[in-house]
Amino acid sequence: MSAPIRVLIVDDQPLARAGFRAVLEATGAIKVIGEAENGEQAIELARQHDPEVVLMDIRMPGMDGIEATRRMPRQKVLILTTFGLDEYIIEALRAGASGFLLKDAPVDELVRAVGTIAAGDAQLSPSVTKRLLEQVARRLPTAVPRDTGSLAELTEREREVLRLLAVGMSNAEIAAALVVSEPTVKTHVSGVLQKLGLRDRVQAVIYAYENGLIAPGER
């Protein structure tokens, strides 16, 4: 039996923290190693207990979730948000978050998101994430520096994979679209991330938007 996923919960609302703890620990596969009510506490607890995943609220007194995400020692961060706060999402992702989820998402979706991020994948698959990405993309500044040098290092197939990834396709969907195997897609995705110096798929999506490979809402 594998060890439980170690999670730190960061939210300034005690009831919210208690709710997340109850839901996650009820699975038996997740262990909550601590709770923090602001960014400063989150960073200190992350250093002390080294969780695998941090559930991070955005708006908190003192240091907010975006700055705390930026300063996390090395933990993967899952941002918790509401539709009313989607303008903050792009900054959170740039700060290093591995994904985001609505606070009122179904329990199974929250549990699945924690497992996905702990396994090293970005939380990009749920339809709500696609909608949020589109809303956030429309708020990207028009004057964004374009990284044409790094783009030139990609093969034509890698650029194609990056575009499909940016519209929210999973590896399986990309494989079907390009009529190749899923392991081949994984190899292309790894090549894209390595050549562009990106940490994960979430950063790849932002990169594609910022560098004009895809327009908001494009399919």
C-alpha atoms as a PDB file:
ATOM      1  CA  MET A   1       0.000   0.000   0.000  1.00  0.00           C
ATOM      2  CA  SER A   2       1.433   3.366  -1.015  1.00  0.00           C
ATOM      3  CA  ALA A   3       2.011   6.112   1.534  1.00  0.00           C
ATOM      4  CA  PRO A   4      -0.716   8.773   1.782  1.00  0.00           C
ATOM      5  CA  ILE A   5      -0.245  12.049  -0.064  1.00  0.00           C
ATOM      6  CA  ARG A   6       0.913  14.731   2.360  1.00  0.00           C
ATOM      7  CA  VAL A   7      -1.135  17.930   2.041  1.00  0.00           C
ATOM      8  CA  LEU A   8      -0.981  21.397   3.611  1.00  0.00           C
ATOM      9  CA  ILE A   9      -4.216  23.427   3.665  1.00  0.00           C
ATOM     10  CA  VAL A  10      -3.934  27.225   3.447  1.00  0.00           C
ATOM     11  CA  ASP A  11      -7.099  29.302   3.945  1.00  0.00           C
ATOM     12  CA  ASP A  12      -7.985  32.146   6.291  1.00  0.00           C
ATOM     13  CA  GLN A  13     -11.402  30.610   7.065  1.00  0.00           C
ATOM     14  CA  PRO A  14     -11.266  27.959   9.843  1.00  0.00           C
ATOM     15  CA  LEU A  15     -14.486  26.305   8.658  1.00  0.00           C
ATOM     16  CA  ALA A  16     -13.132  26.015   5.123  1.00  0.00           C
ATOM     17  CA  ARG A  17      -9.923  24.404   6.399  1.00  0.00           C
ATOM     18  CA  ALA A  18     -11.899  21.967   8.543  1.00  0.00           C
ATOM     19  CA  GLY A  19     -14.102  21.054   5.594  1.00  0.00           C
ATOM     20  CA  PHE A  20     -11.173  20.399   3.278  1.00  0.00           C
ATOM     21  CA  ARG A  21      -9.411  18.347   5.973  1.00  0.00           C
ATOM     22  CA  ALA A  22     -12.467  16.180   6.577  1.00  0.00           C
ATOM     23  CA  VAL A  23     -13.013  15.537   2.883  1.00  0.00           C
ATOM     24  CA  LEU A  24      -9.386  14.733   2.094  1.00  0.00           C
ATOM     25  CA  GLU A  25      -8.640  12.550   5.108  1.00  0.00           C
ATOM     26  CA  ALA A  26     -11.862  10.574   4.616  1.00  0.00           C
ATOM     27  CA  THR A  27     -10.285   9.069   1.489  1.00  0.00           C
ATOM     28  CA  GLY A  28      -7.607   7.283   3.483  1.00  0.00           C
ATOM     29  CA  ALA A  29      -5.152   8.153   0.711  1.00  0.00           C
ATOM     30  CA  ILE A  30      -4.419  11.723   1.816  1.00  0.00           C
ATOM     31  CA  LYS A  31      -2.910  12.977   5.074  1.00  0.00           C
ATOM     32  CA  VAL A  32      -3.278  16.648   6.077  1.00  0.00           C
ATOM     33  CA  ILE A  33       0.001  17.531   7.778  1.00  0.00           C
ATOM     34  CA  GLY A  34      -0.942  21.080   8.728  1.00  0.00           C
ATOM     35  CA  GLU A  35      -3.168  24.117   8.295  1.00  0.00           C
ATOM     36  CA  ALA A  36      -2.211  27.757   7.751  1.00  0.00           C
ATOM     37  CA  GLU A  37      -4.341  30.902   7.748  1.00  0.00           C
ATOM     38  CA  ASN A  38      -2.000  33.089   5.678  1.00  0.00           C
ATOM     39  CA  GLY A  39       0.977  32.974   3.353  1.00  0.00           C
ATOM     40  CA  GLU A  40       3.633  33.464   6.022  1.00  0.00           C
ATOM     41  CA  GLN A  41       2.401  30.488   8.028  1.00  0.00           C
ATOM     42  CA  ALA A  42       2.123  28.419   4.850  1.00  0.00           C
ATOM     43  CA  ILE A  43       5.757  28.915   3.924  1.00  0.00           C
ATOM     44  CA  GLU A  44       6.951  28.117   7.444  1.00  0.00           C
ATOM     45  CA  LEU A  45       4.857  24.940   7.656  1.00  0.00           C
ATOM     46  CA  ALA A  46       5.969  23.873   4.182  1.00  0.00           C
ATOM     47  CA  ARG A  47       9.595  24.148   5.279  1.00  0.00           C
ATOM     48  CA  GLN A  48       8.932  22.229   8.489  1.00  0.00           C
ATOM     49  CA  HIS A  49       6.769  19.400   7.171  1.00  0.00           C
ATOM     50  CA  ASP A  50       7.549  19.225   3.426  1.00  0.00           C
ATOM     51  CA  PRO A  51       4.048  18.462   2.070  1.00  0.00           C
ATOM     52  CA  GLU A  52       3.703  17.115  -1.445  1.00  0.00           C
ATOM     53  CA  VAL A  53       0.735  19.344  -2.314  1.00  0.00           C
ATOM     54  CA  VAL A  54      -0.403  22.701  -0.919  1.00  0.00           C
ATOM     55  CA  LEU A  55      -4.064  23.702  -1.215  1.00  0.00           C
ATOM     56  CA  MET A  56      -3.754  27.482  -1.469  1.00  0.00           C
ATOM     57  CA  ASP A  57      -6.458  30.140  -1.149  1.00  0.00           C
ATOM     58  CA  ILE A  58      -5.715  33.372  -3.022  1.00  0.00           C
ATOM     59  CA  ARG A  59      -7.070  36.192  -0.887  1.00  0.00           C
ATOM     60  CA  MET A  60      -5.824  36.124   2.708  1.00  0.00           C
ATOM     61  CA  PRO A  61      -4.695  38.769   5.216  1.00  0.00           C
ATOM     62  CA  GLY A  62      -0.981  39.511   5.218  1.00  0.00           C
ATOM     63  CA  MET A  63       0.818  37.577   2.494  1.00  0.00           C
ATOM     64  CA  ASP A  64      -1.687  36.414  -0.121  1.00  0.00           C
ATOM     65  CA  GLY A  65      -1.753  33.079  -1.902  1.00  0.00           C
ATOM     66  CA  ILE A  66       0.003  34.337  -5.013  1.00  0.00           C
ATOM     67  CA  GLU A  67       3.068  35.596  -3.159  1.00  0.00           C
ATOM     68  CA  ALA A  68       3.099  32.503  -0.951  1.00  0.00           C
ATOM     69  CA  THR A  69       3.039  30.309  -4.056  1.00  0.00           C
ATOM     70  CA  ARG A  70       5.974  32.258  -5.477  1.00  0.00           C
ATOM     71  CA  ARG A  71       7.964  31.670  -2.275  1.00  0.00           C
ATOM     72  CA  MET A  72       7.112  28.009  -1.731  1.00  0.00           C
ATOM     73  CA  PRO A  73      10.343  26.021  -1.206  1.00  0.00           C
ATOM     74  CA  ARG A  74       9.509  23.319  -3.776  1.00  0.00           C
ATOM     75  CA  GLN A  75       5.976  22.137  -3.122  1.00  0.00           C
ATOM     76  CA  LYS A  76       3.320  21.744  -5.808  1.00  0.00           C
ATOM     77  CA  VAL A  77       0.491  24.232  -5.305  1.00  0.00           C
ATOM     78  CA  LEU A  78      -3.182  23.762  -6.138  1.00  0.00           C
ATOM     79  CA  ILE A  79      -4.935  27.137  -6.110  1.00  0.00           C
ATOM     80  CA  LEU A  80      -8.477  27.238  -4.711  1.00  0.00           C
ATOM     81  CA  THR A  81     -10.631  29.961  -6.208  1.00  0.00           C
ATOM     82  CA  THR A  82     -14.100  31.146  -7.145  1.00  0.00           C
ATOM     83  CA  PHE A  83     -15.385  32.475 -10.477  1.00  0.00           C
ATOM     84  CA  GLY A  84     -15.339  35.940  -8.941  1.00  0.00           C
ATOM     85  CA  LEU A  85     -11.563  35.751  -8.491  1.00  0.00           C
ATOM     86  CA  ASP A  86     -10.544  34.387 -11.875  1.00  0.00           C
ATOM     87  CA  GLU A  87      -8.607  37.591 -12.664  1.00  0.00           C
ATOM     88  CA  TYR A  88      -6.013  36.460 -10.116  1.00  0.00           C
ATOM     89  CA  ILE A  89      -5.488  33.045 -11.650  1.00  0.00           C
ATOM     90  CA  ILE A  90      -2.993  34.038 -14.333  1.00  0.00           C
ATOM     91  CA  GLU A  91      -0.729  35.635 -11.718  1.00  0.00           C
ATOM     92  CA  ALA A  92      -0.962  32.552  -9.522  1.00  0.00           C
ATOM     93  CA  LEU A  93       0.043  30.305 -12.399  1.00  0.00           C
ATOM     94  CA  ARG A  94       2.933  32.584 -13.305  1.00  0.00           C
ATOM     95  CA  ALA A  95       3.984  32.403  -9.661  1.00  0.00           C
ATOM     96  CA  GLY A  96       4.383  28.641 -10.025  1.00  0.00           C
ATOM     97  CA  ALA A  97       1.016  27.064  -9.206  1.00  0.00           C
ATOM     98  CA  SER A  98       0.451  23.644 -10.764  1.00  0.00           C
ATOM     99  CA  GLY A  99      -3.258  24.151 -11.266  1.00  0.00           C
ATOM    100  CA  PHE A 100      -6.455  25.547  -9.868  1.00  0.00           C
ATOM    101  CA  LEU A 101      -9.878  24.387  -8.779  1.00  0.00           C
ATOM    102  CA  LEU A 102     -13.142  26.002  -7.740  1.00  0.00           C
ATOM    103  CA  LYS A 103     -13.778  25.952  -3.994  1.00  0.00           C
ATOM    104  CA  ASP A 104     -17.213  24.456  -4.551  1.00  0.00           C
ATOM    105  CA  ALA A 105     -15.963  21.703  -6.862  1.00  0.00           C
ATOM    106  CA  PRO A 106     -17.352  18.203  -6.183  1.00  0.00           C
ATOM    107  CA  VAL A 107     -15.492  16.191  -3.568  1.00  0.00           C
ATOM    108  CA  ASP A 108     -14.257  13.610  -6.061  1.00  0.00           C
ATOM    109  CA  GLU A 109     -12.866  16.368  -8.281  1.00  0.00           C
ATOM    110  CA  LEU A 110     -10.888  17.860  -5.380  1.00  0.00           C
ATOM    111  CA  VAL A 111      -9.482  14.471  -4.401  1.00  0.00           C
ATOM    112  CA  ARG A 112      -8.604  13.684  -8.015  1.00  0.00           C
ATOM    113  CA  ALA A 113      -6.896  17.076  -8.413  1.00  0.00           C
ATOM    114  CA  VAL A 114      -4.691  16.454  -5.372  1.00  0.00           C
ATOM    115  CA  GLY A 115      -3.698  13.056  -6.726  1.00  0.00           C
ATOM    116  CA  THR A 116      -3.040  14.446 -10.208  1.00  0.00           C
ATOM    117  CA  ILE A 117      -0.735  17.178  -8.955  1.00  0.00           C
ATOM    118  CA  ALA A 118       1.042  14.880  -6.499  1.00  0.00           C
ATOM    119  CA  ALA A 119       1.807  12.583  -9.445  1.00  0.00           C
ATOM    120  CA  GLY A 120       3.504  15.469 -11.242  1.00  0.00           C
ATOM    121  CA  ASP A 121       0.779  16.405 -13.716  1.00  0.00           C
ATOM    122  CA  ALA A 122      -0.905  19.777 -14.021  1.00  0.00           C
ATOM    123  CA  GLN A 123      -4.544  20.195 -13.047  1.00  0.00           C
ATOM    124  CA  LEU A 124      -5.794  21.099 -16.517  1.00  0.00           C
ATOM    125  CA  SER A 125      -8.351  18.499 -17.450  1.00  0.00           C
ATOM    126  CA  PRO A 126     -11.699  19.494 -15.847  1.00  0.00           C
ATOM    127  CA  SER A 127     -14.014  21.544 -18.015  1.00  0.00           C
ATOM    128  CA  VAL A 128     -14.153  24.273 -15.389  1.00  0.00           C
ATOM    129  CA  THR A 129     -10.408  24.724 -15.745  1.00  0.00           C
ATOM    130  CA  LYS A 130     -10.766  25.197 -19.484  1.00  0.00           C
ATOM    131  CA  ARG A 131     -13.397  27.874 -18.943  1.00  0.00           C
ATOM    132  CA  LEU A 132     -11.244  29.676 -16.413  1.00  0.00           C
ATOM    133  CA  LEU A 133      -8.231  29.551 -18.714  1.00  0.00           C
ATOM    134  CA  GLU A 134     -10.276  31.185 -21.458  1.00  0.00           C
ATOM    135  CA  GLN A 135     -11.522  33.919 -19.135  1.00  0.00           C
ATOM    136  CA  VAL A 136      -8.035  34.561 -17.836  1.00  0.00           C
ATOM    137  CA  ALA A 137      -6.501  34.518 -21.316  1.00  0.00           C
ATOM    138  CA  ARG A 138      -8.781  37.373 -22.372  1.00  0.00           C
ATOM    139  CA  ARG A 139      -7.198  39.471 -19.628  1.00  0.00           C
ATOM    140  CA  LEU A 140      -3.636  38.917 -20.811  1.00  0.00           C
ATOM    141  CA  PRO A 141      -1.928  42.219 -21.610  1.00  0.00           C
ATOM    142  CA  THR A 142      -1.687  43.023 -25.302  1.00  0.00           C
ATOM    143  CA  ALA A 143       1.981  44.033 -25.126  1.00  0.00           C
ATOM    144  CA  VAL A 144       3.600  40.739 -24.160  1.00  0.00           C
ATOM    145  CA  PRO A 145       7.223  40.002 -25.070  1.00  0.00           C
ATOM    146  CA  ARG A 146       7.386  37.189 -27.586  1.00  0.00           C
ATOM    147  CA  ASP A 147       9.915  34.434 -27.088  1.00  0.00           C
ATOM    148  CA  THR A 148      10.516  33.694 -30.759  1.00  0.00           C
ATOM    149  CA  GLY A 149      14.025  32.385 -30.084  1.00  0.00           C
ATOM    150  CA  SER A 150      12.850  29.453 -27.976  1.00  0.00           C
ATOM    151  CA  LEU A 151       9.917  28.785 -30.292  1.00  0.00           C
ATOM    152  CA  ALA A 152      12.365  28.371 -33.159  1.00  0.00           C
ATOM    153  CA  GLU A 153      13.887  25.396 -31.328  1.00  0.00           C
ATOM    154  CA  LEU A 154      10.644  23.428 -31.530  1.00  0.00           C
ATOM    155  CA  THR A 155       9.998  21.012 -34.357  1.00  0.00           C
ATOM    156  CA  GLU A 156       6.829  21.445 -36.392  1.00  0.00           C
ATOM    157  CA  ARG A 157       5.245  18.502 -34.571  1.00  0.00           C
ATOM    158  CA  GLU A 158       6.207  19.932 -31.193  1.00  0.00           C
ATOM    159  CA  ARG A 159       4.588  23.263 -32.092  1.00  0.00           C
ATOM    160  CA  GLU A 160       1.460  21.371 -33.116  1.00  0.00           C
ATOM    161  CA  VAL A 161       1.419  19.479 -29.819  1.00  0.00           C
ATOM    162  CA  LEU A 162       1.859  22.745 -27.923  1.00  0.00           C
ATOM    163  CA  ARG A 163      -1.132  24.307 -29.705  1.00  0.00           C
ATOM    164  CA  LEU A 164      -3.355  21.298 -28.964  1.00  0.00           C
ATOM    165  CA  LEU A 165      -2.193  21.244 -25.370  1.00  0.00           C
ATOM    166  CA  ALA A 166      -3.035  24.936 -25.080  1.00  0.00           C
ATOM    167  CA  VAL A 167      -6.691  24.422 -26.056  1.00  0.00           C
ATOM    168  CA  GLY A 168      -7.037  22.003 -23.157  1.00  0.00           C
ATOM    169  CA  MET A 169      -6.574  18.622 -24.825  1.00  0.00           C
ATOM    170  CA  SER A 170      -5.336  15.674 -22.784  1.00  0.00           C
ATOM    171  CA  ASN A 171      -2.504  13.455 -24.025  1.00  0.00           C
ATOM    172  CA  ALA A 172      -5.051  10.882 -25.187  1.00  0.00           C
ATOM    173  CA  GLU A 173      -7.009  13.516 -27.144  1.00  0.00           C
ATOM    174  CA  ILE A 174      -3.823  14.854 -28.735  1.00  0.00           C
ATOM    175  CA  ALA A 175      -2.801  11.320 -29.692  1.00  0.00           C
ATOM    176  CA  ALA A 176      -6.172  10.743 -31.379  1.00  0.00           C
ATOM    177  CA  ALA A 177      -6.006  14.089 -33.203  1.00  0.00           C
ATOM    178  CA  LEU A 178      -2.503  13.449 -34.530  1.00  0.00           C
ATOM    179  CA  VAL A 179      -3.026   9.709 -35.048  1.00  0.00           C
ATOM    180  CA  VAL A 180      -0.012   8.756 -32.927  1.00  0.00           C
ATOM    181  CA  SER A 181       0.424   6.789 -29.713  1.00  0.00           C
ATOM    182  CA  GLU A 182      -0.021   8.360 -26.282  1.00  0.00           C
ATOM    183  CA  PRO A 183       3.615   7.611 -25.288  1.00  0.00           C
ATOM    184  CA  THR A 184       4.693   9.522 -28.413  1.00  0.00           C
ATOM    185  CA  VAL A 185       2.646  12.513 -27.286  1.00  0.00           C
ATOM    186  CA  LYS A 186       4.208  12.328 -23.813  1.00  0.00           C
ATOM    187  CA  THR A 187       7.642  12.411 -25.444  1.00  0.00           C
ATOM    188  CA  HIS A 188       6.694  15.480 -27.493  1.00  0.00           C
ATOM    189  CA  VAL A 189       5.253  17.255 -24.426  1.00  0.00           C
ATOM    190  CA  SER A 190       8.442  16.570 -22.466  1.00  0.00           C
ATOM    191  CA  GLY A 191      10.486  17.923 -25.366  1.00  0.00           C
ATOM    192  CA  VAL A 192       8.383  21.092 -25.513  1.00  0.00           C
ATOM    193  CA  LEU A 193       8.731  21.726 -21.779  1.00  0.00           C
ATOM    194  CA  GLN A 194      12.479  21.102 -21.829  1.00  0.00           C
ATOM    195  CA  LYS A 195      13.199  23.294 -24.863  1.00  0.00           C
ATOM    196  CA  LEU A 196      11.062  26.165 -23.595  1.00  0.00           C
ATOM    197  CA  GLY A 197      12.302  25.908 -20.014  1.00  0.00           C
ATOM    198  CA  LEU A 198       8.805  25.365 -18.636  1.00  0.00           C
ATOM    199  CA  ARG A 199       7.893  23.474 -15.471  1.00  0.00           C
ATOM    200  CA  ASP A 200       4.601  21.878 -16.518  1.00  0.00           C
ATOM    201  CA  ARG A 201       1.605  21.923 -18.854  1.00  0.00           C
ATOM    202  CA  VAL A 202       0.022  24.905 -17.125  1.00  0.00           C
ATOM    203  CA  GLN A 203       3.030  27.085 -17.902  1.00  0.00           C
ATOM    204  CA  ALA A 204       2.985  25.724 -21.459  1.00  0.00           C
ATOM    205  CA  VAL A 205      -0.613  26.932 -21.898  1.00  0.00           C
ATOM    206  CA  ILE A 206       0.284  30.422 -20.690  1.00  0.00           C
ATOM    207  CA  TYR A 207       3.355  30.447 -22.940  1.00  0.00           C
ATOM    208  CA  ALA A 208       1.242  29.520 -25.975  1.00  0.00           C
ATOM    209  CA  TYR A 209      -1.233  32.323 -25.293  1.00  0.00           C
ATOM    210  CA  GLU A 210       1.454  34.911 -24.609  1.00  0.00           C
ATOM    211  CA  ASN A 211       3.432  34.046 -27.705  1.00  0.00           C
ATOM    212  CA  GLY A 212       0.523  34.063 -30.093  1.00  0.00           C
ATOM    213  CA  LEU A 213       0.356  30.354 -30.870  1.00  0.00           C
ATOM    214  CA  ILE A 214      -3.312  30.379 -29.966  1.00  0.00           C
ATOM    215  CA  ALA A 215      -5.982  33.004 -29.347  1.00  0.00           C
ATOM    216  CA  PRO A 216      -8.386  32.946 -26.387  1.00  0.00           C
ATOM    217  CA  GLY A 217     -11.368  30.717 -27.090  1.00  0.00           C
ATOM    218  CA  GLU A 218      -9.717  29.040 -30.100  1.00  0.00           C
ATOM    219  CA  ARG A 219     -10.448  25.365 -30.674  1.00  0.00           C
END
